[in-house]
Each structure stands twice: as C-alpha cells, then as structure tokens.
Amino acid sequence: CVVVPLEGDEVLTYSSTQAPAKHQRMIAHVLGIPEHKVVCKAKRLGGGFGGKETRGVFLNCAAAVPAFDLERPVRLCLDRDEDMQMTGHR
C-alpha cells in the first residue's frame, strides 16, 4: 500500500482491497481525523468471497501513521512469506 499526505490534514491511500470504506474508517480512526479527510483508491479486484476485504487494513494503517506525522509518502509492501505469516491466506 501507499499513503500520501495531502493539504489540510488529508491523506490519500492506494491499497488492494475490496472494501475501501473500511480502510477509510480505520485510517481516520487511527489518525484521529474525520473520515472525509481520507481518500481511498483501489484497483478493481476479482471475486474472492471477501478474502481481500479487511486483511490489508493493518498494513494501510501502519503506513498512514508515519505518512501523516512526517508529511511524506510511505509505501509498505510485504513479500509472499510475510504476507502468509501475517494474514494466514494467499
């Protein structure tokens, strides 16, 4: 995921998720800002019966904190082994 700080305490996040609204809600909560100041963009993902819905939210929040505090873009990317250990799924 990538989190980019914007003007006026807003953040823009790019994440592969089926539920950008959930990412928006959690990032806003973690940063202590209103939800309307978090913009989530996601590429279209195929089916998966919700498997990609919430698993990446922790990574997105972990990138949002330093991006917001340091006012610099932050990118976090897990390799396959780390992804499997943290989420337990492919």
PDB file of N, CA and C in Angstrom:
ATOM      1  N   CYS A   1       0.842  -1.183   0.000  1.00  0.00           N
ATOM      2  CA  CYS A   1       0.000   0.000   0.000  1.00  0.00           C
ATOM      3  C   CYS A   1       0.886   1.245   0.000  1.00  0.00           C
ATOM      4  N   VAL A   2       0.276   2.339  -0.429  1.00  0.00           N
ATOM      5  CA  VAL A   2       0.951   3.627  -0.457  1.00  0.00           C
ATOM      6  C   VAL A   2       0.027   4.642   0.202  1.00  0.00           C
ATOM      7  N   VAL A   3       0.573   5.454   1.092  1.00  0.00           N
ATOM      8  CA  VAL A   3      -0.193   6.525   1.729  1.00  0.00           C
ATOM      9  C   VAL A   3       0.531   7.842   1.470  1.00  0.00           C
ATOM     10  N   VAL A   4      -0.212   8.805   0.942  1.00  0.00           N
ATOM     11  CA  VAL A   4       0.358  10.098   0.583  1.00  0.00           C
ATOM     12  C   VAL A   4      -0.362  11.192   1.370  1.00  0.00           C
ATOM     13  N   PRO A   5       0.359  11.996   2.138  1.00  0.00           N
ATOM     14  CA  PRO A   5      -0.286  13.106   2.840  1.00  0.00           C
ATOM     15  C   PRO A   5      -0.632  14.215   1.852  1.00  0.00           C
ATOM     16  N   LEU A   6      -1.778  14.846   2.064  1.00  0.00           N
ATOM     17  CA  LEU A   6      -2.237  15.942   1.219  1.00  0.00           C
ATOM     18  C   LEU A   6      -2.379  17.201   2.064  1.00  0.00           C
ATOM     19  N   GLU A   7      -2.823  18.272   1.454  1.00  0.00           N
ATOM     20  CA  GLU A   7      -3.051  19.519   2.174  1.00  0.00           C
ATOM     21  C   GLU A   7      -4.207  19.377   3.155  1.00  0.00           C
ATOM     22  N   GLY A   8      -4.199  20.192   4.184  1.00  0.00           N
ATOM     23  CA  GLY A   8      -5.318  20.249   5.118  1.00  0.00           C
ATOM     24  C   GLY A   8      -5.547  18.986   5.923  1.00  0.00           C
ATOM     25  N   ASP A   9      -4.470  18.323   6.323  1.00  0.00           N
ATOM     26  CA  ASP A   9      -4.565  17.086   7.122  1.00  0.00           C
ATOM     27  C   ASP A   9      -5.342  15.981   6.419  1.00  0.00           C
ATOM     28  N   GLU A  10      -5.308  15.958   5.100  1.00  0.00           N
ATOM     29  CA  GLU A  10      -5.936  14.877   4.343  1.00  0.00           C
ATOM     30  C   GLU A  10      -4.875  13.876   3.939  1.00  0.00           C
ATOM     31  N   VAL A  11      -5.293  12.624   3.723  1.00  0.00           N
ATOM     32  CA  VAL A  11      -4.385  11.589   3.238  1.00  0.00           C
ATOM     33  C   VAL A  11      -5.043  10.852   2.084  1.00  0.00           C
ATOM     34  N   LEU A  12      -4.211  10.393   1.168  1.00  0.00           N
ATOM     35  CA  LEU A  12      -4.638   9.591   0.028  1.00  0.00           C
ATOM     36  C   LEU A  12      -3.964   8.248   0.157  1.00  0.00           C
ATOM     37  N   THR A  13      -4.742   7.174   0.033  1.00  0.00           N
ATOM     38  CA  THR A  13      -4.173   5.847   0.146  1.00  0.00           C
ATOM     39  C   THR A  13      -4.530   5.006  -1.068  1.00  0.00           C
ATOM     40  N   TYR A  14      -3.548   4.262  -1.537  1.00  0.00           N
ATOM     41  CA  TYR A  14      -3.748   3.297  -2.614  1.00  0.00           C
ATOM     42  C   TYR A  14      -3.551   1.924  -1.996  1.00  0.00           C
ATOM     43  N   SER A  15      -4.557   1.087  -2.116  1.00  0.00           N
ATOM     44  CA  SER A  15      -4.476  -0.226  -1.479  1.00  0.00           C
ATOM     45  C   SER A  15      -5.245  -1.247  -2.304  1.00  0.00           C
ATOM     46  N   SER A  16      -4.821  -2.486  -2.261  1.00  0.00           N
ATOM     47  CA  SER A  16      -5.588  -3.530  -2.928  1.00  0.00           C
ATOM     48  C   SER A  16      -6.563  -4.100  -1.901  1.00  0.00           C
ATOM     49  N   THR A  17      -7.801  -3.696  -2.035  1.00  0.00           N
ATOM     50  CA  THR A  17      -8.838  -4.112  -1.101  1.00  0.00           C
ATOM     51  C   THR A  17     -10.179  -4.181  -1.814  1.00  0.00           C
ATOM     52  N   GLN A  18     -11.082  -4.963  -1.270  1.00  0.00           N
ATOM     53  CA  GLN A  18     -12.448  -4.995  -1.771  1.00  0.00           C
ATOM     54  C   GLN A  18     -13.328  -4.068  -0.946  1.00  0.00           C
ATOM     55  N   ALA A  19     -12.780  -3.453   0.082  1.00  0.00           N
ATOM     56  CA  ALA A  19     -13.584  -2.618   0.978  1.00  0.00           C
ATOM     57  C   ALA A  19     -12.850  -1.317   1.313  1.00  0.00           C
ATOM     58  N   PRO A  20     -12.740  -0.400   0.356  1.00  0.00           N
ATOM     59  CA  PRO A  20     -12.037   0.851   0.650  1.00  0.00           C
ATOM     60  C   PRO A  20     -12.700   1.667   1.760  1.00  0.00           C
ATOM     61  N   ALA A  21     -14.006   1.532   1.941  1.00  0.00           N
ATOM     62  CA  ALA A  21     -14.688   2.274   3.016  1.00  0.00           C
ATOM     63  C   ALA A  21     -14.204   1.825   4.393  1.00  0.00           C
ATOM     64  N   LYS A  22     -13.911   0.547   4.536  1.00  0.00           N
ATOM     65  CA  LYS A  22     -13.389   0.048   5.817  1.00  0.00           C
ATOM     66  C   LYS A  22     -11.986   0.585   6.067  1.00  0.00           C
ATOM     67  N   HIS A  23     -11.187   0.639   5.022  1.00  0.00           N
ATOM     68  CA  HIS A  23      -9.845   1.214   5.166  1.00  0.00           C
ATOM     69  C   HIS A  23      -9.953   2.687   5.527  1.00  0.00           C
ATOM     70  N   GLN A  24     -10.851   3.393   4.882  1.00  0.00           N
ATOM     71  CA  GLN A  24     -11.060   4.809   5.175  1.00  0.00           C
ATOM     72  C   GLN A  24     -11.433   5.006   6.639  1.00  0.00           C
ATOM     73  N   ARG A  25     -12.356   4.205   7.119  1.00  0.00           N
ATOM     74  CA  ARG A  25     -12.825   4.327   8.501  1.00  0.00           C
ATOM     75  C   ARG A  25     -11.703   4.057   9.501  1.00  0.00           C
ATOM     76  N   MET A  26     -10.931   2.998   9.261  1.00  0.00           N
ATOM     77  CA  MET A  26      -9.872   2.625  10.209  1.00  0.00           C
ATOM     78  C   MET A  26      -8.718   3.624  10.193  1.00  0.00           C
ATOM     79  N   ILE A  27      -8.333   4.093   9.018  1.00  0.00           N
ATOM     80  CA  ILE A  27      -7.246   5.072   8.940  1.00  0.00           C
ATOM     81  C   ILE A  27      -7.653   6.361   9.639  1.00  0.00           C
ATOM     82  N   ALA A  28      -8.876   6.805   9.402  1.00  0.00           N
ATOM     83  CA  ALA A  28      -9.367   8.018  10.065  1.00  0.00           C
ATOM     84  C   ALA A  28      -9.343   7.841  11.586  1.00  0.00           C
ATOM     85  N   HIS A  29      -9.745   6.671  12.045  1.00  0.00           N
ATOM     86  CA  HIS A  29      -9.756   6.394  13.482  1.00  0.00           C
ATOM     87  C   HIS A  29      -8.335   6.434  14.054  1.00  0.00           C
ATOM     88  N   VAL A  30      -7.404   5.766  13.383  1.00  0.00           N
ATOM     89  CA  VAL A  30      -6.018   5.703  13.856  1.00  0.00           C
ATOM     90  C   VAL A  30      -5.378   7.096  13.878  1.00  0.00           C
ATOM     91  N   LEU A  31      -5.670   7.909  12.859  1.00  0.00           N
ATOM     92  CA  LEU A  31      -5.065   9.231  12.775  1.00  0.00           C
ATOM     93  C   LEU A  31      -5.825  10.284  13.572  1.00  0.00           C
ATOM     94  N   GLY A  32      -7.038   9.967  13.997  1.00  0.00           N
ATOM     95  CA  GLY A  32      -7.838  10.918  14.759  1.00  0.00           C
ATOM     96  C   GLY A  32      -8.360  12.068  13.903  1.00  0.00           C
ATOM     97  N   ILE A  33      -8.678  11.762  12.653  1.00  0.00           N
ATOM     98  CA  ILE A  33      -9.216  12.777  11.748  1.00  0.00           C
ATOM     99  C   ILE A  33     -10.574  12.305  11.225  1.00  0.00           C
ATOM    100  N   PRO A  34     -11.396  13.219  10.706  1.00  0.00           N
ATOM    101  CA  PRO A  34     -12.684  12.803  10.147  1.00  0.00           C
ATOM    102  C   PRO A  34     -12.502  11.909   8.913  1.00  0.00           C
ATOM    103  N   GLU A  35     -13.460  11.028   8.687  1.00  0.00           N
ATOM    104  CA  GLU A  35     -13.377  10.100   7.554  1.00  0.00           C
ATOM    105  C   GLU A  35     -13.306  10.813   6.217  1.00  0.00           C
ATOM    106  N   HIS A  36     -13.938  11.968   6.108  1.00  0.00           N
ATOM    107  CA  HIS A  36     -13.941  12.647   4.812  1.00  0.00           C
ATOM    108  C   HIS A  36     -12.566  13.208   4.435  1.00  0.00           C
ATOM    109  N   LYS A  37     -11.609  13.141   5.348  1.00  0.00           N
ATOM    110  CA  LYS A  37     -10.247  13.590   5.044  1.00  0.00           C
ATOM    111  C   LYS A  37      -9.344  12.438   4.599  1.00  0.00           C
ATOM    112  N   VAL A  38      -9.912  11.255   4.459  1.00  0.00           N
ATOM    113  CA  VAL A  38      -9.163  10.089   3.991  1.00  0.00           C
ATOM    114  C   VAL A  38      -9.753   9.651   2.651  1.00  0.00           C
ATOM    115  N   VAL A  39      -8.930   9.677   1.615  1.00  0.00           N
ATOM    116  CA  VAL A  39      -9.360   9.253   0.282  1.00  0.00           C
ATOM    117  C   VAL A  39      -8.703   7.913  -0.016  1.00  0.00           C
ATOM    118  N   CYS A  40      -9.522   6.900  -0.294  1.00  0.00           N
ATOM    119  CA  CYS A  40      -9.009   5.563  -0.588  1.00  0.00           C
ATOM    120  C   CYS A  40      -9.244   5.244  -2.052  1.00  0.00           C
ATOM    121  N   LYS A  41      -8.183   4.845  -2.725  1.00  0.00           N
ATOM    122  CA  LYS A  41      -8.297   4.427  -4.116  1.00  0.00           C
ATOM    123  C   LYS A  41      -7.812   2.993  -4.204  1.00  0.00           C
ATOM    124  N   ALA A  42      -8.551   2.196  -4.973  1.00  0.00           N
ATOM    125  CA  ALA A  42      -8.201   0.783  -5.117  1.00  0.00           C
ATOM    126  C   ALA A  42      -8.459   0.351  -6.551  1.00  0.00           C
ATOM    127  N   LYS A  43      -7.567  -0.445  -7.071  1.00  0.00           N
ATOM    128  CA  LYS A  43      -7.799  -1.075  -8.362  1.00  0.00           C
ATOM    129  C   LYS A  43      -8.898  -2.112  -8.182  1.00  0.00           C
ATOM    130  N   ARG A  44      -9.617  -2.366  -9.244  1.00  0.00           N
ATOM    131  CA  ARG A  44     -10.649  -3.390  -9.157  1.00  0.00           C
ATOM    132  C   ARG A  44     -10.029  -4.747  -8.889  1.00  0.00           C
ATOM    133  N   LEU A  45     -10.626  -5.486  -7.979  1.00  0.00           N
ATOM    134  CA  LEU A  45     -10.165  -6.832  -7.652  1.00  0.00           C
ATOM    135  C   LEU A  45     -11.258  -7.814  -8.023  1.00  0.00           C
ATOM    136  N   GLY A  46     -10.859  -8.995  -8.371  1.00  0.00           N
ATOM    137  CA  GLY A  46     -11.834 -10.021  -8.710  1.00  0.00           C
ATOM    138  C   GLY A  46     -12.530 -10.552  -7.475  1.00  0.00           C
ATOM    139  N   GLY A  47     -13.272 -11.609  -7.667  1.00  0.00           N
ATOM    140  CA  GLY A  47     -14.017 -12.253  -6.580  1.00  0.00           C
ATOM    141  C   GLY A  47     -13.086 -12.661  -5.456  1.00  0.00           C
ATOM    142  N   GLY A  48     -13.503 -13.516  -4.631  1.00  0.00           N
ATOM    143  CA  GLY A  48     -12.676 -13.943  -3.519  1.00  0.00           C
ATOM    144  C   GLY A  48     -13.519 -14.089  -2.275  1.00  0.00           C
ATOM    145  N   PHE A  49     -14.805 -13.819  -2.402  1.00  0.00           N
ATOM    146  CA  PHE A  49     -15.743 -14.010  -1.311  1.00  0.00           C
ATOM    147  C   PHE A  49     -15.307 -13.283  -0.043  1.00  0.00           C
ATOM    148  N   GLY A  50     -14.816 -12.054  -0.206  1.00  0.00           N
ATOM    149  CA  GLY A  50     -14.467 -11.233   0.947  1.00  0.00           C
ATOM    150  C   GLY A  50     -13.082 -11.462   1.497  1.00  0.00           C
ATOM    151  N   GLY A  51     -12.325 -12.353   0.895  1.00  0.00           N
ATOM    152  CA  GLY A  51     -10.997 -12.678   1.417  1.00  0.00           C
ATOM    153  C   GLY A  51     -10.047 -11.498   1.446  1.00  0.00           C
ATOM    154  N   LYS A  52     -10.239 -10.557   0.516  1.00  0.00           N
ATOM    155  CA  LYS A  52      -9.346  -9.401   0.456  1.00  0.00           C
ATOM    156  C   LYS A  52      -9.992  -8.170   1.081  1.00  0.00           C
ATOM    157  N   GLU A  53     -11.039  -8.384   1.813  1.00  0.00           N
ATOM    158  CA  GLU A  53     -11.814  -7.255   2.321  1.00  0.00           C
ATOM    159  C   GLU A  53     -11.122  -6.503   3.443  1.00  0.00           C
ATOM    160  N   THR A  54     -10.622  -7.184   4.434  1.00  0.00           N
ATOM    161  CA  THR A  54     -10.087  -6.490   5.608  1.00  0.00           C
ATOM    162  C   THR A  54      -8.656  -6.886   5.965  1.00  0.00           C
ATOM    163  N   ARG A  55      -8.089  -7.856   5.287  1.00  0.00           N
ATOM    164  CA  ARG A  55      -6.766  -8.341   5.700  1.00  0.00           C
ATOM    165  C   ARG A  55      -5.665  -7.304   5.587  1.00  0.00           C
ATOM    166  N   GLY A  56      -5.787  -6.365   4.665  1.00  0.00           N
ATOM    167  CA  GLY A  56      -4.723  -5.395   4.465  1.00  0.00           C
ATOM    168  C   GLY A  56      -4.873  -4.110   5.250  1.00  0.00           C
ATOM    169  N   VAL A  57      -5.944  -3.998   6.037  1.00  0.00           N
ATOM    170  CA  VAL A  57      -6.197  -2.729   6.724  1.00  0.00           C
ATOM    171  C   VAL A  57      -5.101  -2.402   7.740  1.00  0.00           C
ATOM    172  N   PHE A  58      -4.537  -3.387   8.400  1.00  0.00           N
ATOM    173  CA  PHE A  58      -3.493  -3.122   9.396  1.00  0.00           C
ATOM    174  C   PHE A  58      -2.251  -2.544   8.731  1.00  0.00           C
ATOM    175  N   LEU A  59      -1.927  -3.025   7.553  1.00  0.00           N
ATOM    176  CA  LEU A  59      -0.759  -2.521   6.834  1.00  0.00           C
ATOM    177  C   LEU A  59      -0.998  -1.084   6.374  1.00  0.00           C
ATOM    178  N   ASN A  60      -2.203  -0.811   5.916  1.00  0.00           N
ATOM    179  CA  ASN A  60      -2.558   0.535   5.475  1.00  0.00           C
ATOM    180  C   ASN A  60      -2.492   1.521   6.643  1.00  0.00           C
ATOM    181  N   CYS A  61      -2.975   1.109   7.797  1.00  0.00           N
ATOM    182  CA  CYS A  61      -2.910   1.974   8.989  1.00  0.00           C
ATOM    183  C   CYS A  61      -1.462   2.180   9.429  1.00  0.00           C
ATOM    184  N   ALA A  62      -0.653   1.129   9.329  1.00  0.00           N
ATOM    185  CA  ALA A  62       0.754   1.239   9.716  1.00  0.00           C
ATOM    186  C   ALA A  62       1.500   2.209   8.804  1.00  0.00           C
ATOM    187  N   ALA A  63       1.106   2.309   7.550  1.00  0.00           N
ATOM    188  CA  ALA A  63       1.732   3.260   6.628  1.00  0.00           C
ATOM    189  C   ALA A  63       1.178   4.667   6.832  1.00  0.00           C
ATOM    190  N   ALA A  64      -0.067   4.768   7.248  1.00  0.00           N
ATOM    191  CA  ALA A  64      -0.716   6.076   7.394  1.00  0.00           C
ATOM    192  C   ALA A  64      -0.106   6.899   8.532  1.00  0.00           C
ATOM    193  N   VAL A  65       0.278   6.255   9.610  1.00  0.00           N
ATOM    194  CA  VAL A  65       0.789   6.996  10.774  1.00  0.00           C
ATOM    195  C   VAL A  65       2.070   7.763  10.443  1.00  0.00           C
ATOM    196  N   PRO A  66       3.115   7.112   9.922  1.00  0.00           N
ATOM    197  CA  PRO A  66       4.313   7.907   9.610  1.00  0.00           C
ATOM    198  C   PRO A  66       4.094   8.888   8.452  1.00  0.00           C
ATOM    199  N   ALA A  67       3.257   8.528   7.483  1.00  0.00           N
ATOM    200  CA  ALA A  67       2.975   9.447   6.377  1.00  0.00           C
ATOM    201  C   ALA A  67       2.327  10.725   6.897  1.00  0.00           C
ATOM    202  N   PHE A  68       1.386  10.569   7.800  1.00  0.00           N
ATOM    203  CA  PHE A  68       0.676  11.718   8.376  1.00  0.00           C
ATOM    204  C   PHE A  68       1.602  12.549   9.262  1.00  0.00           C
ATOM    205  N   ASP A  69       2.362  11.883  10.124  1.00  0.00           N
ATOM    206  CA  ASP A  69       3.237  12.584  11.062  1.00  0.00           C
ATOM    207  C   ASP A  69       4.426  13.261  10.377  1.00  0.00           C
ATOM    208  N   LEU A  70       5.028  12.593   9.404  1.00  0.00           N
ATOM    209  CA  LEU A  70       6.225  13.117   8.741  1.00  0.00           C
ATOM    210  C   LEU A  70       5.906  13.945   7.498  1.00  0.00           C
ATOM    211  N   GLU A  71       4.630  13.924   7.103  1.00  0.00           N
ATOM    212  CA  GLU A  71       4.185  14.640   5.906  1.00  0.00           C
ATOM    213  C   GLU A  71       4.988  14.230   4.678  1.00  0.00           C
ATOM    214  N   ARG A  72       5.179  12.912   4.553  1.00  0.00           N
ATOM    215  CA  ARG A  72       5.882  12.333   3.408  1.00  0.00           C
ATOM    216  C   ARG A  72       5.191  11.053   3.004  1.00  0.00           C
ATOM    217  N   PRO A  73       5.197  10.710   1.725  1.00  0.00           N
ATOM    218  CA  PRO A  73       4.582   9.450   1.289  1.00  0.00           C
ATOM    219  C   PRO A  73       5.286   8.247   1.914  1.00  0.00           C
ATOM    220  N   VAL A  74       4.506   7.219   2.203  1.00  0.00           N
ATOM    221  CA  VAL A  74       5.049   5.980   2.772  1.00  0.00           C
ATOM    222  C   VAL A  74       4.477   4.809   1.981  1.00  0.00           C
ATOM    223  N   ARG A  75       5.367   3.884   1.624  1.00  0.00           N
ATOM    224  CA  ARG A  75       4.951   2.678   0.910  1.00  0.00           C
ATOM    225  C   ARG A  75       5.391   1.467   1.711  1.00  0.00           C
ATOM    226  N   LEU A  76       4.469   0.546   1.937  1.00  0.00           N
ATOM    227  CA  LEU A  76       4.795  -0.714   2.609  1.00  0.00           C
ATOM    228  C   LEU A  76       4.384  -1.854   1.688  1.00  0.00           C
ATOM    229  N   CYS A  77       5.261  -2.809   1.568  1.00  0.00           N
ATOM    230  CA  CYS A  77       4.981  -3.949   0.698  1.00  0.00           C
ATOM    231  C   CYS A  77       5.513  -5.210   1.371  1.00  0.00           C
ATOM    232  N   LEU A  78       4.653  -6.192   1.514  1.00  0.00           N
ATOM    233  CA  LEU A  78       5.060  -7.465   2.117  1.00  0.00           C
ATOM    234  C   LEU A  78       5.470  -8.437   1.025  1.00  0.00           C
ATOM    235  N   ASP A  79       6.513  -9.235   1.278  1.00  0.00           N
ATOM    236  CA  ASP A  79       6.782 -10.312   0.333  1.00  0.00           C
ATOM    237  C   ASP A  79       5.826 -11.461   0.642  1.00  0.00           C
ATOM    238  N   ARG A  80       5.807 -12.464  -0.173  1.00  0.00           N
ATOM    239  CA  ARG A  80       4.823 -13.549  -0.046  1.00  0.00           C
ATOM    240  C   ARG A  80       4.923 -14.240   1.312  1.00  0.00           C
ATOM    241  N   ASP A  81       6.129 -14.502   1.802  1.00  0.00           N
ATOM    242  CA  ASP A  81       6.271 -15.178   3.100  1.00  0.00           C
ATOM    243  C   ASP A  81       5.702 -14.331   4.234  1.00  0.00           C
ATOM    244  N   GLU A  82       6.007 -13.035   4.234  1.00  0.00           N
ATOM    245  CA  GLU A  82       5.482 -12.148   5.274  1.00  0.00           C
ATOM    246  C   GLU A  82       3.953 -12.066   5.196  1.00  0.00           C
ATOM    247  N   ASP A  83       3.447 -11.978   3.979  1.00  0.00           N
ATOM    248  CA  ASP A  83       2.006 -11.904   3.784  1.00  0.00           C
ATOM    249  C   ASP A  83       1.314 -13.147   4.345  1.00  0.00           C
ATOM    250  N   MET A  84       1.863 -14.317   4.049  1.00  0.00           N
ATOM    251  CA  MET A  84       1.262 -15.577   4.521  1.00  0.00           C
ATOM    252  C   MET A  84       1.334 -15.682   6.048  1.00  0.00           C
ATOM    253  N   GLN A  85       2.444 -15.240   6.639  1.00  0.00           N
ATOM    254  CA  GLN A  85       2.590 -15.304   8.090  1.00  0.00           C
ATOM    255  C   GLN A  85       1.632 -14.357   8.793  1.00  0.00           C
ATOM    256  N   MET A  86       1.421 -13.185   8.225  1.00  0.00           N
ATOM    257  CA  MET A  86       0.599 -12.166   8.888  1.00  0.00           C
ATOM    258  C   MET A  86      -0.897 -12.383   8.671  1.00  0.00           C
ATOM    259  N   THR A  87      -1.261 -12.841   7.484  1.00  0.00           N
ATOM    260  CA  THR A  87      -2.704 -12.946   7.195  1.00  0.00           C
ATOM    261  C   THR A  87      -3.196 -14.391   7.219  1.00  0.00           C
ATOM    262  N   GLY A  88      -2.288 -15.337   7.002  1.00  0.00           N
ATOM    263  CA  GLY A  88      -2.705 -16.739   7.018  1.00  0.00           C
ATOM    264  C   GLY A  88      -3.389 -17.198   5.754  1.00  0.00           C
ATOM    265  N   HIS A  89      -3.430 -16.346   4.739  1.00  0.00           N
ATOM    266  CA  HIS A  89      -4.090 -16.699   3.480  1.00  0.00           C
ATOM    267  C   HIS A  89      -3.254 -16.221   2.316  1.00  0.00           C
ATOM    268  N   ARG A  90      -3.578 -16.747   1.134  1.00  0.00           N
ATOM    269  CA  ARG A  90      -2.908 -16.279  -0.085  1.00  0.00           C
ATOM    270  C   ARG A  90      -3.473 -14.954  -0.503  1.00  0.00           C
TER     271      ARG A  90
END
